[in-house]
Structure formats: C-alpha cells, structure tokens
Amino acid sequence: MSLHFLYYCSEPTLDVKIAFCQGFDKQVDVSYIAKRYNMSKSKVDNQFHSVEVGDSTFTVLKRYQNLKPIGSGAQGIVCAAYDAVLDRNVAIKKLSRPFQNQTHAKRAYRELVLMKCVNHKNIISLLNVFTPQKTLEEFQDVYLVMELMDANLCQVIQMELDHERMSYLLYQMLCGIKHLHSAGIIHRDLKPSNIVVKSDCTLKILDFGLARTAGTSFMMTPYVVTRYYRAPEVILGMGYKENVDMWSVGCIMGEMIKGAVLFPGTDRILLSSQWSLWVSFSINSPLFQRQHCG
C-alpha cells in the first residue's frame, strides 16, 4: 500500500506542495519553485541556513534565528527560535528519521495532518512546516513550527500548585481532550511531557504521532501510551476507545495532586498489583463507605 504524504510550506515564496509515495520514485525539482515565483535557483537555495544544535544540524528557513535546544525525545528534537517574519518566539521540532520506515512515516503524516486540522485553544497550533530538501530522493527532514510555551507539565508538577491553578489546568486539559474526541480522535499518548503550559497558566496538548481516529476497524496496538499512563485495557491488549485518554488524564491529575507518578509500574504484573491496591484502598476508604454503603 502506497504511503502518501502531503507537505505544505506556508512561506509566501515557497507554497509548493510535494507528494511522495513509498519508494521515493518521483521527483519534484527546485526549478518548479523558481519558475512559479520567477526566482533563480540560487535564490531558492538561499532561503535556508544551517545551525548546529547539540549533536544535530537544523537546516531552517532564514526567518528563524537564535535557535536554542529546549527538548528531545524519540520523535525528534525541539528548539526555541525567533521568527523574524511573525516577530515572535516559536518552537521548531525536527522529526527524527521520519522516513526511515513506514511506521515512522505514518507517525509523521498523522502528526502533521491532525495538527493542521485541529483548531482549539487547548491544542498546540501549527504555524509552519517545511523541508530544506529539493527533490523527493533527498527528502528526509521535516520541520514543524509551533507556538512556544514556557514549560511542560513535568516541570509544573514539581512546583507547589494551589487548588485554583490545579483545577484550571485540569479543566483546560479536559477541554482539549473533549475537542479531540468530538472530532473522533484518540490521542493515545497523553502524559505530562506532552502537555505544555505558559506562565499565565494557559495549557495546550501536543504530540499527535500516535493519535488515531476512533471507530476504525483495524486492530489497535497495545503498545501505546507511556506505561505509567496506560489504561488497563491497553496493557491487557483489549479493545479500547476514547476512554483510554480519560484514564491517562486521571493518572496525570493524581500525579499533580500527589507530586509523584500514581502508578510507577515497570511491567504489566507490577502495574496490575498497583491498580488492585488502589481499588482496594478506595473501596475501603471511609468516604466510599459513606457514599456507597449507607
């Protein structure tokens, strides 16, 4: 089955659309861009500059300046930068080997498509997407430009949050998830590092590489969602729906209150025992007894 990827560059002088199929057997020559905009090939080439960021090289549009690393993970490396066109700070994510295999390509495709389609105040906004490569044979790097936030929820959890701020963060998280679910989207990888916050307590959800549409007929893999935040039906390889995201939200809420991971199990057996202890504790608590046992 061919894997199609649509790439749109919102740079005014480079709004070329590139479509590629599995096998990279088609080419899009830079002369197309030059011809469309009456530009020389050298002028097109000069749209980009390379910056060393740690062990990686970012080749980005010249409008993005002062790149500084702010995070990294399995899906890629993220830098903060100044956008001279928009006159604002942004985050640039370089996807890690997006076309190494079909699985990586599908994740890159899903993340791009969902970020372009979803528009909500509690979902991170996609500002731009580009590649410095000029042909499909060379095409190997994808850069996503997003809003720059101040911290992820992992960092915020380490702070002492009052009830009002904690409630507001949780409310925004639920608003974002409700919007995704209303669009038939399951995030499937909710965790504190995929939730970002600004200093004014504005919260946004990001990272849609593992997201799927609800109600699809294919077998959903059990190896999604970081282990601490996986719902029992995911761990046990059962069928699951949007409610797996709600389990993750509950785990995150517990972590915000407790200041530590709620279920720090490293395997299925340990997690199952921790769930059992928690349920037993909850059922035997005075509050549960008063509410449910008269």
Protein backbone atom coordinates (compact mmCIF):
# COMPACT_ATOMS: atom_id res chain seq x y z
CA MET A 1 0.00 0.00 0.00
CA SER A 2 1.40 3.36 -1.02
CA LEU A 3 2.01 5.88 1.72
CA HIS A 4 1.16 9.41 0.59
CA PHE A 5 2.45 12.45 2.41
CA LEU A 6 1.34 15.98 1.65
CA TYR A 7 3.70 18.76 2.57
CA TYR A 8 2.64 22.38 2.52
CA CYS A 9 5.08 25.20 3.15
CA SER A 10 3.35 28.37 4.27
CA GLU A 11 6.36 30.54 3.42
CA PRO A 12 4.90 33.02 0.87
CA THR A 13 7.60 32.33 -1.70
CA LEU A 14 7.58 28.55 -1.20
CA ASP A 15 3.99 27.31 -1.11
CA VAL A 16 4.95 24.24 -3.12
CA LYS A 17 3.03 21.02 -2.49
CA ILE A 18 5.12 17.86 -2.51
CA ALA A 19 3.53 14.41 -2.71
CA PHE A 20 5.63 11.32 -2.27
CA CYS A 21 4.89 7.60 -2.40
CA GLN A 22 6.59 4.72 -0.69
CA GLY A 23 9.81 4.04 -2.57
CA PHE A 24 10.57 7.71 -3.35
CA ASP A 25 10.25 7.08 -7.07
CA LYS A 26 9.02 10.57 -8.01
CA GLN A 27 10.93 13.81 -8.04
CA VAL A 28 9.98 17.43 -7.54
CA ASP A 29 12.72 19.66 -8.88
CA VAL A 30 13.57 23.00 -7.33
CA SER A 31 13.21 24.57 -10.80
CA TYR A 32 9.41 24.29 -10.30
CA ILE A 33 9.62 26.70 -7.38
CA ALA A 34 11.91 29.07 -9.22
CA LYS A 35 9.69 29.08 -12.33
CA ARG A 36 6.48 29.64 -10.36
CA TYR A 37 7.85 32.61 -8.47
CA ASN A 38 10.21 33.93 -11.14
CA MET A 39 13.16 33.22 -8.87
CA SER A 40 16.63 31.94 -9.63
CA LYS A 41 17.67 28.53 -8.28
CA SER A 42 20.35 30.21 -6.16
CA LYS A 43 17.73 32.45 -4.58
CA VAL A 44 15.68 29.41 -3.61
CA ASP A 45 18.75 27.74 -2.13
CA ASN A 46 19.48 30.87 -0.10
CA GLN A 47 16.17 30.60 1.76
CA PHE A 48 17.81 28.24 4.28
CA HIS A 49 20.71 28.26 6.71
CA SER A 50 22.21 25.50 8.87
CA VAL A 51 22.67 25.71 12.63
CA GLU A 52 24.40 23.17 14.87
CA VAL A 53 22.15 22.29 17.79
CA GLY A 54 23.88 19.84 20.11
CA ASP A 55 24.59 16.70 18.09
CA SER A 56 22.09 17.64 15.39
CA THR A 57 22.07 20.06 12.48
CA PHE A 58 18.98 22.18 11.89
CA THR A 59 18.64 23.45 8.32
CA VAL A 60 15.88 26.01 8.62
CA LEU A 61 14.41 28.99 6.79
CA LYS A 62 16.42 32.15 7.43
CA ARG A 63 13.41 33.76 9.08
CA TYR A 64 14.13 31.51 12.10
CA GLN A 65 17.01 32.84 14.18
CA ASN A 66 18.70 32.31 17.56
CA LEU A 67 17.95 28.58 17.79
CA LYS A 68 18.31 27.06 21.26
CA PRO A 69 17.55 23.43 22.22
CA ILE A 70 14.68 23.00 24.67
CA GLY A 71 13.90 19.30 24.49
CA SER A 72 14.34 15.97 22.74
CA GLY A 73 12.71 12.58 22.59
CA ALA A 74 12.04 9.55 20.44
CA GLN A 75 10.05 11.63 17.97
CA GLY A 76 12.60 14.39 17.46
CA ILE A 77 14.46 17.42 18.75
CA VAL A 78 12.80 20.74 19.65
CA CYS A 79 14.41 24.17 19.56
CA ALA A 80 13.21 27.59 20.56
CA ALA A 81 13.74 30.24 17.87
CA TYR A 82 12.82 33.78 16.93
CA ASP A 83 10.61 34.15 13.85
CA ALA A 84 11.63 37.40 12.14
CA VAL A 85 8.53 37.35 9.89
CA LEU A 86 5.94 36.93 12.64
CA ASP A 87 8.08 38.83 15.18
CA ARG A 88 7.54 36.22 17.86
CA ASN A 89 9.30 33.31 19.52
CA VAL A 90 8.39 29.85 18.23
CA ALA A 91 9.26 26.20 18.78
CA ILE A 92 10.74 24.19 15.89
CA LYS A 93 10.52 20.41 16.00
CA LYS A 94 12.79 18.40 13.73
CA LEU A 95 11.19 14.99 13.31
CA SER A 96 13.63 12.16 13.99
CA ARG A 97 14.16 10.00 10.86
CA PRO A 98 10.55 10.43 9.70
CA PHE A 99 11.04 8.31 6.58
CA GLN A 100 13.27 5.57 7.96
CA ASN A 101 10.40 3.10 7.64
CA GLN A 102 6.65 3.07 7.10
CA THR A 103 5.88 3.28 10.83
CA HIS A 104 7.91 6.48 11.24
CA ALA A 105 6.40 7.93 8.06
CA LYS A 106 2.87 7.21 9.25
CA ARG A 107 3.57 8.93 12.57
CA ALA A 108 4.95 11.99 10.78
CA TYR A 109 1.94 12.04 8.48
CA ARG A 110 -0.57 11.69 11.32
CA GLU A 111 1.04 14.40 13.40
CA LEU A 112 1.11 16.87 10.51
CA VAL A 113 -2.44 16.17 9.30
CA LEU A 114 -4.01 16.32 12.77
CA MET A 115 -2.18 19.49 13.73
CA LYS A 116 -3.35 21.14 10.52
CA CYS A 117 -6.96 20.01 11.01
CA VAL A 118 -7.48 20.59 14.73
CA ASN A 119 -8.10 24.16 15.85
CA HIS A 120 -8.68 24.67 19.57
CA LYS A 121 -7.25 26.96 22.21
CA ASN A 122 -6.03 23.99 24.26
CA ILE A 123 -4.35 22.21 21.32
CA ILE A 124 -0.93 23.41 20.16
CA SER A 125 -1.07 25.44 16.94
CA LEU A 126 0.94 24.55 13.84
CA LEU A 127 2.41 27.75 12.39
CA ASN A 128 4.51 26.36 9.56
CA VAL A 129 6.04 23.19 8.13
CA PHE A 130 8.96 22.90 5.72
CA THR A 131 11.79 20.79 4.41
CA PRO A 132 15.15 22.04 3.08
CA GLN A 133 15.47 19.19 0.58
CA LYS A 134 14.79 19.94 -3.09
CA THR A 135 13.86 16.52 -4.53
CA LEU A 136 11.96 13.52 -3.24
CA GLU A 137 15.12 11.42 -3.46
CA GLU A 138 16.75 13.81 -0.99
CA PHE A 139 13.60 14.33 1.09
CA GLN A 140 14.39 13.15 4.64
CA ASP A 141 13.84 16.04 7.07
CA VAL A 142 10.57 17.57 8.25
CA TYR A 143 10.40 20.62 10.48
CA LEU A 144 7.22 21.61 12.33
CA VAL A 145 6.94 25.17 13.64
CA MET A 146 4.62 25.61 16.61
CA GLU A 147 3.72 28.02 19.37
CA LEU A 148 6.42 28.34 22.02
CA MET A 149 5.26 27.59 25.55
CA ASP A 150 7.14 28.14 28.80
CA ALA A 151 7.28 24.65 30.35
CA ASN A 152 5.85 21.16 30.12
CA LEU A 153 3.63 19.69 32.80
CA CYS A 154 6.50 17.56 34.16
CA GLN A 155 8.18 20.77 35.30
CA VAL A 156 4.96 22.32 36.57
CA ILE A 157 4.13 19.26 38.69
CA GLN A 158 7.36 19.82 40.64
CA MET A 159 6.04 23.19 41.79
CA GLU A 160 3.58 23.69 44.61
CA LEU A 161 0.25 24.32 42.89
CA ASP A 162 -2.73 25.70 44.75
CA HIS A 163 -6.19 24.22 44.21
CA GLU A 164 -7.28 27.03 41.88
CA ARG A 165 -4.35 26.64 39.46
CA MET A 166 -4.53 22.84 39.56
CA SER A 167 -8.26 22.93 38.78
CA TYR A 168 -7.74 25.37 35.91
CA LEU A 169 -5.01 23.22 34.35
CA LEU A 170 -7.17 20.11 34.63
CA TYR A 171 -10.16 21.97 33.15
CA GLN A 172 -8.15 23.02 30.10
CA MET A 173 -6.80 19.50 29.68
CA LEU A 174 -10.35 18.14 29.63
CA CYS A 175 -11.48 20.85 27.19
CA GLY A 176 -8.71 19.90 24.77
CA ILE A 177 -9.46 16.18 25.06
CA LYS A 178 -13.20 16.80 24.64
CA HIS A 179 -12.49 18.66 21.40
CA LEU A 180 -10.30 15.82 20.09
CA HIS A 181 -12.89 13.19 20.98
CA SER A 182 -15.70 15.23 19.40
CA ALA A 183 -13.64 15.13 16.19
CA GLY A 184 -13.29 11.36 16.52
CA ILE A 185 -9.60 11.50 17.51
CA ILE A 186 -7.97 9.42 20.27
CA HIS A 187 -4.66 10.96 21.37
CA ARG A 188 -3.30 7.66 22.83
CA ASP A 189 -0.13 9.18 24.29
CA LEU A 190 -1.23 11.64 26.96
CA LYS A 191 1.46 12.25 29.56
CA PRO A 192 2.90 15.29 31.35
CA SER A 193 5.70 15.75 28.80
CA ASN A 194 3.08 16.05 26.02
CA ILE A 195 1.25 18.86 27.79
CA VAL A 196 2.74 22.35 27.81
CA VAL A 197 1.94 25.43 29.86
CA LYS A 198 2.59 29.17 29.69
CA SER A 199 3.35 31.38 32.67
CA ASP A 200 -0.27 32.62 32.70
CA CYS A 201 -1.43 29.01 33.26
CA THR A 202 -2.60 28.52 29.65
CA LEU A 203 -2.37 24.80 28.82
CA LYS A 204 -2.05 23.08 25.43
CA ILE A 205 -1.82 19.45 24.32
CA LEU A 206 0.77 18.40 21.74
CA ASP A 207 2.43 15.42 20.03
CA PHE A 208 -0.06 13.58 17.84
CA GLY A 209 2.31 10.98 16.38
CA LEU A 210 0.34 8.11 17.97
CA ALA A 211 -3.14 9.58 17.61
CA ARG A 212 -5.81 7.58 15.77
CA THR A 213 -9.37 8.13 14.66
CA ALA A 214 -11.97 6.44 16.84
CA GLY A 215 -14.14 3.67 15.48
CA THR A 216 -11.60 2.36 12.97
CA SER A 217 -11.82 -1.33 12.16
CA PHE A 218 -8.11 -2.13 12.36
CA MET A 219 -6.51 -3.76 15.39
CA MET A 220 -5.21 -1.10 17.75
CA THR A 221 -1.76 -1.86 19.15
CA PRO A 222 -1.48 -2.32 22.93
CA TYR A 223 1.93 -0.65 22.95
CA VAL A 224 0.75 2.94 23.01
CA VAL A 225 0.71 5.49 25.80
CA THR A 226 3.72 5.69 28.10
CA ARG A 227 3.42 2.81 30.57
CA TYR A 228 2.65 4.88 33.69
CA TYR A 229 -0.40 6.37 31.97
CA ARG A 230 -1.75 3.31 30.13
CA ALA A 231 -5.29 2.17 30.85
CA PRO A 232 -5.81 -1.48 31.93
CA GLU A 233 -7.47 -2.38 28.61
CA VAL A 234 -4.37 -1.13 26.77
CA ILE A 235 -1.97 -3.05 28.99
CA LEU A 236 -4.06 -6.21 28.63
CA GLY A 237 -4.29 -5.90 24.85
CA MET A 238 -8.06 -5.48 24.85
CA GLY A 239 -10.10 -3.30 22.51
CA TYR A 240 -10.26 0.31 23.58
CA LYS A 241 -11.86 3.62 22.67
CA GLU A 242 -11.60 7.28 23.66
CA ASN A 243 -11.81 6.37 27.35
CA VAL A 244 -8.12 5.39 27.37
CA ASP A 245 -7.35 9.11 27.17
CA MET A 246 -9.54 9.71 30.23
CA TRP A 247 -7.55 7.11 32.21
CA SER A 248 -4.38 8.98 31.26
CA VAL A 249 -5.94 12.28 32.38
CA GLY A 250 -6.84 10.67 35.72
CA CYS A 251 -3.26 9.44 36.17
CA ILE A 252 -1.95 12.92 35.38
CA MET A 253 -4.40 14.51 37.82
CA GLY A 254 -3.28 12.09 40.55
CA GLU A 255 0.32 12.94 39.81
CA MET A 256 -0.43 16.67 40.09
CA ILE A 257 -2.03 16.15 43.50
CA LYS A 258 0.49 13.63 44.81
CA GLY A 259 3.58 15.23 43.25
CA ALA A 260 4.73 11.80 42.04
CA VAL A 261 3.72 9.20 39.45
CA LEU A 262 0.50 7.50 40.53
CA PHE A 263 1.28 4.04 39.08
CA PRO A 264 5.07 3.75 38.64
CA GLY A 265 4.94 0.13 37.46
CA THR A 266 7.64 -1.06 35.08
CA ASP A 267 5.73 -4.07 33.75
CA ARG A 268 2.19 -5.46 33.43
CA ILE A 269 2.32 -7.52 36.64
CA LEU A 270 3.52 -4.66 38.83
CA LEU A 271 1.00 -2.27 37.32
CA SER A 272 -1.84 -4.75 37.88
CA SER A 273 -0.92 -5.11 41.54
CA GLN A 274 -0.77 -1.34 41.96
CA TRP A 275 -4.22 -0.96 40.39
CA SER A 276 -5.60 -3.65 42.73
CA LEU A 277 -4.14 -1.95 45.80
CA TRP A 278 -5.57 1.40 44.72
CA VAL A 279 -9.05 -0.04 44.12
CA SER A 280 -8.93 -1.87 47.46
CA PHE A 281 -7.86 1.29 49.25
CA SER A 282 -10.60 3.32 47.55
CA ILE A 283 -13.36 0.82 48.34
CA ASN A 284 -12.32 0.56 51.99
CA SER A 285 -11.97 4.31 52.48
CA PRO A 286 -14.47 5.97 54.88
CA LEU A 287 -15.63 8.31 52.10
CA PHE A 288 -16.51 5.40 49.77
CA GLN A 289 -18.22 3.55 52.59
CA ARG A 290 -20.37 6.58 53.47
CA GLN A 291 -21.34 7.24 49.83
CA HIS A 292 -22.00 3.69 48.67
CA CYS A 293 -22.67 1.53 51.74
CA GLY A 294 -25.10 3.71 53.64
